[in-house]
Amino acid sequence: MDNLKIEKVGDSLGVALPEEIVQKLQVKEGDTVDISETPDGVEITNRAPNLEKAMQAYQKINEKYKNALRELSK
């Protein structure tokens, strides 16, 4: 694993990911990644590409059919 230099990005700190890591994560500029604490340190994972779209669709359906979904859940 490469050593990554921490750099100032605006008012925050960041690192530049090597191309090998970018390819493994299958991410591009503007994508969102999840960072989780693990017993061994931290883990960076690619957020499911369609998760945001799926959540938006769910919210629309949930609002529109709230009563029907409540009845079906009984």
PDB file of N, CA and C in Angstrom:
ATOM      1  N   MET A   1       0.857  -1.179   0.000  1.00  0.00           N
ATOM      2  CA  MET A   1       0.000   0.000   0.000  1.00  0.00           C
ATOM      3  C   MET A   1       0.894   1.229   0.000  1.00  0.00           C
ATOM      4  N   ASP A   2       0.492   2.213  -0.754  1.00  0.00           N
ATOM      5  CA  ASP A   2       1.230   3.474  -0.815  1.00  0.00           C
ATOM      6  C   ASP A   2       0.982   4.309   0.427  1.00  0.00           C
ATOM      7  N   ASN A   3       1.938   5.146   0.745  1.00  0.00           N
ATOM      8  CA  ASN A   3       1.728   6.165   1.769  1.00  0.00           C
ATOM      9  C   ASN A   3       1.092   7.361   1.084  1.00  0.00           C
ATOM     10  N   LEU A   4       0.027   7.891   1.666  1.00  0.00           N
ATOM     11  CA  LEU A   4      -0.677   9.021   1.072  1.00  0.00           C
ATOM     12  C   LEU A   4      -0.423  10.268   1.892  1.00  0.00           C
ATOM     13  N   LYS A   5      -0.164  11.365   1.220  1.00  0.00           N
ATOM     14  CA  LYS A   5       0.098  12.634   1.881  1.00  0.00           C
ATOM     15  C   LYS A   5      -1.230  13.350   2.138  1.00  0.00           C
ATOM     16  N   ILE A   6      -1.393  13.828   3.353  1.00  0.00           N
ATOM     17  CA  ILE A   6      -2.590  14.591   3.702  1.00  0.00           C
ATOM     18  C   ILE A   6      -2.367  16.035   3.276  1.00  0.00           C
ATOM     19  N   GLU A   7      -3.355  16.586   2.557  1.00  0.00           N
ATOM     20  CA  GLU A   7      -3.244  17.942   2.026  1.00  0.00           C
ATOM     21  C   GLU A   7      -4.455  18.767   2.442  1.00  0.00           C
ATOM     22  N   LYS A   8      -4.265  20.061   2.517  1.00  0.00           N
ATOM     23  CA  LYS A   8      -5.363  20.972   2.842  1.00  0.00           C
ATOM     24  C   LYS A   8      -6.238  21.130   1.599  1.00  0.00           C
ATOM     25  N   VAL A   9      -7.545  20.959   1.786  1.00  0.00           N
ATOM     26  CA  VAL A   9      -8.521  21.127   0.706  1.00  0.00           C
ATOM     27  C   VAL A   9      -9.589  22.059   1.248  1.00  0.00           C
ATOM     28  N   GLY A  10      -9.518  23.329   0.883  1.00  0.00           N
ATOM     29  CA  GLY A  10     -10.442  24.306   1.457  1.00  0.00           C
ATOM     30  C   GLY A  10     -10.199  24.416   2.945  1.00  0.00           C
ATOM     31  N   ASP A  11     -11.248  24.236   3.751  1.00  0.00           N
ATOM     32  CA  ASP A  11     -11.119  24.269   5.201  1.00  0.00           C
ATOM     33  C   ASP A  11     -10.951  22.868   5.791  1.00  0.00           C
ATOM     34  N   SER A  12     -10.790  21.868   4.932  1.00  0.00           N
ATOM     35  CA  SER A  12     -10.690  20.476   5.379  1.00  0.00           C
ATOM     36  C   SER A  12      -9.339  19.893   5.002  1.00  0.00           C
ATOM     37  N   LEU A  13      -9.176  18.624   5.304  1.00  0.00           N
ATOM     38  CA  LEU A  13      -7.986  17.882   4.892  1.00  0.00           C
ATOM     39  C   LEU A  13      -8.423  16.751   3.972  1.00  0.00           C
ATOM     40  N   GLY A  14      -7.558  16.361   3.053  1.00  0.00           N
ATOM     41  CA  GLY A  14      -7.903  15.280   2.137  1.00  0.00           C
ATOM     42  C   GLY A  14      -6.671  14.557   1.655  1.00  0.00           C
ATOM     43  N   VAL A  15      -6.885  13.482   0.938  1.00  0.00           N
ATOM     44  CA  VAL A  15      -5.807  12.716   0.316  1.00  0.00           C
ATOM     45  C   VAL A  15      -6.163  12.483  -1.144  1.00  0.00           C
ATOM     46  N   ALA A  16      -5.148  12.380  -1.978  1.00  0.00           N
ATOM     47  CA  ALA A  16      -5.353  12.025  -3.383  1.00  0.00           C
ATOM     48  C   ALA A  16      -5.216  10.518  -3.491  1.00  0.00           C
ATOM     49  N   LEU A  17      -6.224   9.866  -4.041  1.00  0.00           N
ATOM     50  CA  LEU A  17      -6.196   8.404  -4.171  1.00  0.00           C
ATOM     51  C   LEU A  17      -5.406   8.003  -5.407  1.00  0.00           C
ATOM     52  N   PRO A  18      -4.509   7.037  -5.266  1.00  0.00           N
ATOM     53  CA  PRO A  18      -3.779   6.533  -6.431  1.00  0.00           C
ATOM     54  C   PRO A  18      -4.749   5.880  -7.422  1.00  0.00           C
ATOM     55  N   GLU A  19      -4.396   5.886  -8.679  1.00  0.00           N
ATOM     56  CA  GLU A  19      -5.255   5.335  -9.734  1.00  0.00           C
ATOM     57  C   GLU A  19      -5.651   3.891  -9.443  1.00  0.00           C
ATOM     58  N   GLU A  20      -4.742   3.097  -8.882  1.00  0.00           N
ATOM     59  CA  GLU A  20      -5.041   1.705  -8.559  1.00  0.00           C
ATOM     60  C   GLU A  20      -6.221   1.598  -7.586  1.00  0.00           C
ATOM     61  N   ILE A  21      -6.260   2.469  -6.584  1.00  0.00           N
ATOM     62  CA  ILE A  21      -7.346   2.470  -5.603  1.00  0.00           C
ATOM     63  C   ILE A  21      -8.632   2.968  -6.245  1.00  0.00           C
ATOM     64  N   VAL A  22      -8.526   3.988  -7.077  1.00  0.00           N
ATOM     65  CA  VAL A  22      -9.698   4.525  -7.784  1.00  0.00           C
ATOM     66  C   VAL A  22     -10.340   3.418  -8.622  1.00  0.00           C
ATOM     67  N   GLN A  23      -9.516   2.637  -9.293  1.00  0.00           N
ATOM     68  CA  GLN A  23     -10.043   1.546 -10.124  1.00  0.00           C
ATOM     69  C   GLN A  23     -10.679   0.455  -9.269  1.00  0.00           C
ATOM     70  N   LYS A  24     -10.052   0.116  -8.148  1.00  0.00           N
ATOM     71  CA  LYS A  24     -10.617  -0.916  -7.274  1.00  0.00           C
ATOM     72  C   LYS A  24     -11.950  -0.476  -6.691  1.00  0.00           C
ATOM     73  N   LEU A  25     -12.052   0.798  -6.322  1.00  0.00           N
ATOM     74  CA  LEU A  25     -13.309   1.316  -5.770  1.00  0.00           C
ATOM     75  C   LEU A  25     -14.347   1.575  -6.854  1.00  0.00           C
ATOM     76  N   GLN A  26     -13.903   1.652  -8.105  1.00  0.00           N
ATOM     77  CA  GLN A  26     -14.767   1.980  -9.240  1.00  0.00           C
ATOM     78  C   GLN A  26     -15.499   3.296  -8.988  1.00  0.00           C
ATOM     79  N   VAL A  27     -14.710   4.344  -8.699  1.00  0.00           N
ATOM     80  CA  VAL A  27     -15.265   5.671  -8.441  1.00  0.00           C
ATOM     81  C   VAL A  27     -14.706   6.672  -9.440  1.00  0.00           C
ATOM     82  N   LYS A  28     -15.403   7.783  -9.532  1.00  0.00           N
ATOM     83  CA  LYS A  28     -14.934   8.886 -10.367  1.00  0.00           C
ATOM     84  C   LYS A  28     -15.203  10.186  -9.610  1.00  0.00           C
ATOM     85  N   GLU A  29     -14.695  11.272 -10.123  1.00  0.00           N
ATOM     86  CA  GLU A  29     -14.873  12.566  -9.474  1.00  0.00           C
ATOM     87  C   GLU A  29     -16.358  12.848  -9.254  1.00  0.00           C
ATOM     88  N   GLY A  30     -16.701  13.276  -8.049  1.00  0.00           N
ATOM     89  CA  GLY A  30     -18.082  13.589  -7.721  1.00  0.00           C
ATOM     90  C   GLY A  30     -18.842  12.446  -7.072  1.00  0.00           C
ATOM     91  N   ASP A  31     -18.297  11.220  -7.134  1.00  0.00           N
ATOM     92  CA  ASP A  31     -18.951  10.077  -6.482  1.00  0.00           C
ATOM     93  C   ASP A  31     -18.857  10.215  -4.968  1.00  0.00           C
ATOM     94  N   THR A  32     -19.675   9.471  -4.274  1.00  0.00           N
ATOM     95  CA  THR A  32     -19.672   9.447  -2.815  1.00  0.00           C
ATOM     96  C   THR A  32     -19.151   8.097  -2.348  1.00  0.00           C
ATOM     97  N   VAL A  33     -18.273   8.117  -1.360  1.00  0.00           N
ATOM     98  CA  VAL A  33     -17.787   6.874  -0.754  1.00  0.00           C
ATOM     99  C   VAL A  33     -18.196   6.862   0.705  1.00  0.00           C
ATOM    100  N   ASP A  34     -18.261   5.676   1.275  1.00  0.00           N
ATOM    101  CA  ASP A  34     -18.553   5.517   2.694  1.00  0.00           C
ATOM    102  C   ASP A  34     -17.254   5.216   3.427  1.00  0.00           C
ATOM    103  N   ILE A  35     -17.068   5.828   4.574  1.00  0.00           N
ATOM    104  CA  ILE A  35     -15.907   5.582   5.416  1.00  0.00           C
ATOM    105  C   ILE A  35     -16.412   5.040   6.737  1.00  0.00           C
ATOM    106  N   SER A  36     -15.918   3.858   7.125  1.00  0.00           N
ATOM    107  CA  SER A  36     -16.360   3.190   8.345  1.00  0.00           C
ATOM    108  C   SER A  36     -15.155   2.887   9.221  1.00  0.00           C
ATOM    109  N   GLU A  37     -15.362   2.995  10.527  1.00  0.00           N
ATOM    110  CA  GLU A  37     -14.324   2.558  11.462  1.00  0.00           C
ATOM    111  C   GLU A  37     -14.400   1.053  11.590  1.00  0.00           C
ATOM    112  N   THR A  38     -13.246   0.407  11.619  1.00  0.00           N
ATOM    113  CA  THR A  38     -13.158  -1.035  11.824  1.00  0.00           C
ATOM    114  C   THR A  38     -12.179  -1.280  12.966  1.00  0.00           C
ATOM    115  N   PRO A  39     -12.137  -2.489  13.493  1.00  0.00           N
ATOM    116  CA  PRO A  39     -11.159  -2.780  14.549  1.00  0.00           C
ATOM    117  C   PRO A  39      -9.714  -2.544  14.093  1.00  0.00           C
ATOM    118  N   ASP A  40      -9.478  -2.632  12.765  1.00  0.00           N
ATOM    119  CA  ASP A  40      -8.129  -2.461  12.234  1.00  0.00           C
ATOM    120  C   ASP A  40      -7.830  -1.043  11.766  1.00  0.00           C
ATOM    121  N   GLY A  41      -8.782  -0.134  11.825  1.00  0.00           N
ATOM    122  CA  GLY A  41      -8.570   1.236  11.354  1.00  0.00           C
ATOM    123  C   GLY A  41      -9.818   1.764  10.696  1.00  0.00           C
ATOM    124  N   VAL A  42      -9.703   2.173   9.434  1.00  0.00           N
ATOM    125  CA  VAL A  42     -10.858   2.669   8.683  1.00  0.00           C
ATOM    126  C   VAL A  42     -10.964   1.924   7.359  1.00  0.00           C
ATOM    127  N   GLU A  43     -12.169   1.909   6.814  1.00  0.00           N
ATOM    128  CA  GLU A  43     -12.430   1.233   5.548  1.00  0.00           C
ATOM    129  C   GLU A  43     -13.163   2.208   4.640  1.00  0.00           C
ATOM    130  N   ILE A  44     -12.713   2.299   3.398  1.00  0.00           N
ATOM    131  CA  ILE A  44     -13.376   3.139   2.394  1.00  0.00           C
ATOM    132  C   ILE A  44     -14.045   2.207   1.400  1.00  0.00           C
ATOM    133  N   THR A  45     -15.343   2.380   1.203  1.00  0.00           N
ATOM    134  CA  THR A  45     -16.075   1.549   0.251  1.00  0.00           C
ATOM    135  C   THR A  45     -16.868   2.433  -0.699  1.00  0.00           C
ATOM    136  N   ASN A  46     -17.109   1.916  -1.877  1.00  0.00           N
ATOM    137  CA  ASN A  46     -17.906   2.606  -2.883  1.00  0.00           C
ATOM    138  C   ASN A  46     -19.365   2.495  -2.491  1.00  0.00           C
ATOM    139  N   ARG A  47     -20.010   3.631  -2.377  1.00  0.00           N
ATOM    140  CA  ARG A  47     -21.447   3.619  -2.114  1.00  0.00           C
ATOM    141  C   ARG A  47     -22.125   3.001  -3.329  1.00  0.00           C
ATOM    142  N   ALA A  48     -23.131   2.191  -3.096  1.00  0.00           N
ATOM    143  CA  ALA A  48     -23.852   1.567  -4.208  1.00  0.00           C
ATOM    144  C   ALA A  48     -24.287   2.664  -5.182  1.00  0.00           C
ATOM    145  N   PRO A  49     -23.899   2.553  -6.462  1.00  0.00           N
ATOM    146  CA  PRO A  49     -24.160   3.626  -7.421  1.00  0.00           C
ATOM    147  C   PRO A  49     -25.619   4.040  -7.530  1.00  0.00           C
ATOM    148  N   ASN A  50     -26.532   3.094  -7.370  1.00  0.00           N
ATOM    149  CA  ASN A  50     -27.937   3.431  -7.542  1.00  0.00           C
ATOM    150  C   ASN A  50     -28.667   3.633  -6.220  1.00  0.00           C
ATOM    151  N   LEU A  51     -27.943   3.606  -5.112  1.00  0.00           N
ATOM    152  CA  LEU A  51     -28.577   3.736  -3.809  1.00  0.00           C
ATOM    153  C   LEU A  51     -29.327   5.057  -3.676  1.00  0.00           C
ATOM    154  N   GLU A  52     -28.712   6.146  -4.086  1.00  0.00           N
ATOM    155  CA  GLU A  52     -29.352   7.453  -3.956  1.00  0.00           C
ATOM    156  C   GLU A  52     -30.642   7.509  -4.786  1.00  0.00           C
ATOM    157  N   LYS A  53     -30.587   7.004  -6.014  1.00  0.00           N
ATOM    158  CA  LYS A  53     -31.776   6.996  -6.867  1.00  0.00           C
ATOM    159  C   LYS A  53     -32.862   6.109  -6.266  1.00  0.00           C
ATOM    160  N   ALA A  54     -32.457   4.961  -5.737  1.00  0.00           N
ATOM    161  CA  ALA A  54     -33.424   4.038  -5.139  1.00  0.00           C
ATOM    162  C   ALA A  54     -34.082   4.674  -3.920  1.00  0.00           C
ATOM    163  N   MET A  55     -33.314   5.375  -3.109  1.00  0.00           N
ATOM    164  CA  MET A  55     -33.874   6.025  -1.921  1.00  0.00           C
ATOM    165  C   MET A  55     -34.854   7.132  -2.311  1.00  0.00           C
ATOM    166  N   GLN A  56     -34.536   7.887  -3.350  1.00  0.00           N
ATOM    167  CA  GLN A  56     -35.445   8.930  -3.817  1.00  0.00           C
ATOM    168  C   GLN A  56     -36.746   8.313  -4.328  1.00  0.00           C
ATOM    169  N   ALA A  57     -36.635   7.227  -5.075  1.00  0.00           N
ATOM    170  CA  ALA A  57     -37.833   6.548  -5.576  1.00  0.00           C
ATOM    171  C   ALA A  57     -38.665   6.018  -4.423  1.00  0.00           C
ATOM    172  N   TYR A  58     -38.010   5.424  -3.432  1.00  0.00           N
ATOM    173  CA  TYR A  58     -38.724   4.914  -2.261  1.00  0.00           C
ATOM    174  C   TYR A  58     -39.472   6.036  -1.553  1.00  0.00           C
ATOM    175  N   GLN A  59     -38.814   7.172  -1.365  1.00  0.00           N
ATOM    176  CA  GLN A  59     -39.452   8.287  -0.663  1.00  0.00           C
ATOM    177  C   GLN A  59     -40.695   8.773  -1.396  1.00  0.00           C
ATOM    178  N   LYS A  60     -40.633   8.824  -2.725  1.00  0.00           N
ATOM    179  CA  LYS A  60     -41.805   9.231  -3.509  1.00  0.00           C
ATOM    180  C   LYS A  60     -42.947   8.233  -3.336  1.00  0.00           C
ATOM    181  N   ILE A  61     -42.631   6.950  -3.470  1.00  0.00           N
ATOM    182  CA  ILE A  61     -43.650   5.897  -3.341  1.00  0.00           C
ATOM    183  C   ILE A  61     -44.207   5.877  -1.931  1.00  0.00           C
ATOM    184  N   ASN A  62     -43.327   5.977  -0.946  1.00  0.00           N
ATOM    185  CA  ASN A  62     -43.754   5.939   0.444  1.00  0.00           C
ATOM    186  C   ASN A  62     -44.725   7.077   0.752  1.00  0.00           C
ATOM    187  N   GLU A  63     -44.442   8.251   0.243  1.00  0.00           N
ATOM    188  CA  GLU A  63     -45.330   9.398   0.501  1.00  0.00           C
ATOM    189  C   GLU A  63     -46.668   9.218  -0.221  1.00  0.00           C
ATOM    190  N   LYS A  64     -46.601   8.786  -1.476  1.00  0.00           N
ATOM    191  CA  LYS A  64     -47.810   8.665  -2.287  1.00  0.00           C
ATOM    192  C   LYS A  64     -48.724   7.543  -1.791  1.00  0.00           C
ATOM    193  N   TYR A  65     -48.137   6.416  -1.371  1.00  0.00           N
ATOM    194  CA  TYR A  65     -48.924   5.253  -0.987  1.00  0.00           C
ATOM    195  C   TYR A  65     -48.778   4.916   0.498  1.00  0.00           C
ATOM    196  N   LYS A  66     -48.593   5.935   1.334  1.00  0.00           N
ATOM    197  CA  LYS A  66     -48.359   5.735   2.759  1.00  0.00           C
ATOM    198  C   LYS A  66     -49.439   4.877   3.402  1.00  0.00           C
ATOM    199  N   ASN A  67     -50.695   5.201   3.142  1.00  0.00           N
ATOM    200  CA  ASN A  67     -51.810   4.459   3.767  1.00  0.00           C
ATOM    201  C   ASN A  67     -51.859   3.019   3.267  1.00  0.00           C
ATOM    202  N   ALA A  68     -51.682   2.829   1.975  1.00  0.00           N
ATOM    203  CA  ALA A  68     -51.719   1.471   1.411  1.00  0.00           C
ATOM    204  C   ALA A  68     -50.569   0.621   1.973  1.00  0.00           C
ATOM    205  N   LEU A  69     -49.400   1.202   2.064  1.00  0.00           N
ATOM    206  CA  LEU A  69     -48.263   0.465   2.612  1.00  0.00           C
ATOM    207  C   LEU A  69     -48.477   0.129   4.086  1.00  0.00           C
ATOM    208  N   ARG A  70     -49.093   1.033   4.812  1.00  0.00           N
ATOM    209  CA  ARG A  70     -49.380   0.765   6.219  1.00  0.00           C
ATOM    210  C   ARG A  70     -50.341  -0.412   6.334  1.00  0.00           C
ATOM    211  N   GLU A  71     -51.383  -0.436   5.495  1.00  0.00           N
ATOM    212  CA  GLU A  71     -52.341  -1.535   5.520  1.00  0.00           C
ATOM    213  C   GLU A  71     -51.683  -2.860   5.126  1.00  0.00           C
ATOM    214  N   LEU A  72     -50.824  -2.823   4.128  1.00  0.00           N
ATOM    215  CA  LEU A  72     -50.152  -4.046   3.688  1.00  0.00           C
ATOM    216  C   LEU A  72     -49.197  -4.595   4.732  1.00  0.00           C
ATOM    217  N   SER A  73     -48.676  -3.728   5.568  1.00  0.00           N
ATOM    218  CA  SER A  73     -47.703  -4.183   6.574  1.00  0.00           C
ATOM    219  C   SER A  73     -48.362  -4.884   7.763  1.00  0.00           C
ATOM    220  N   LYS A  74     -49.697  -4.845   7.840  1.00  0.00           N
ATOM    221  CA  LYS A  74     -50.393  -5.475   8.965  1.00  0.00           C
ATOM    222  C   LYS A  74     -50.431  -6.972   8.833  1.00  0.00           C
TER     223      LYS A  74
END
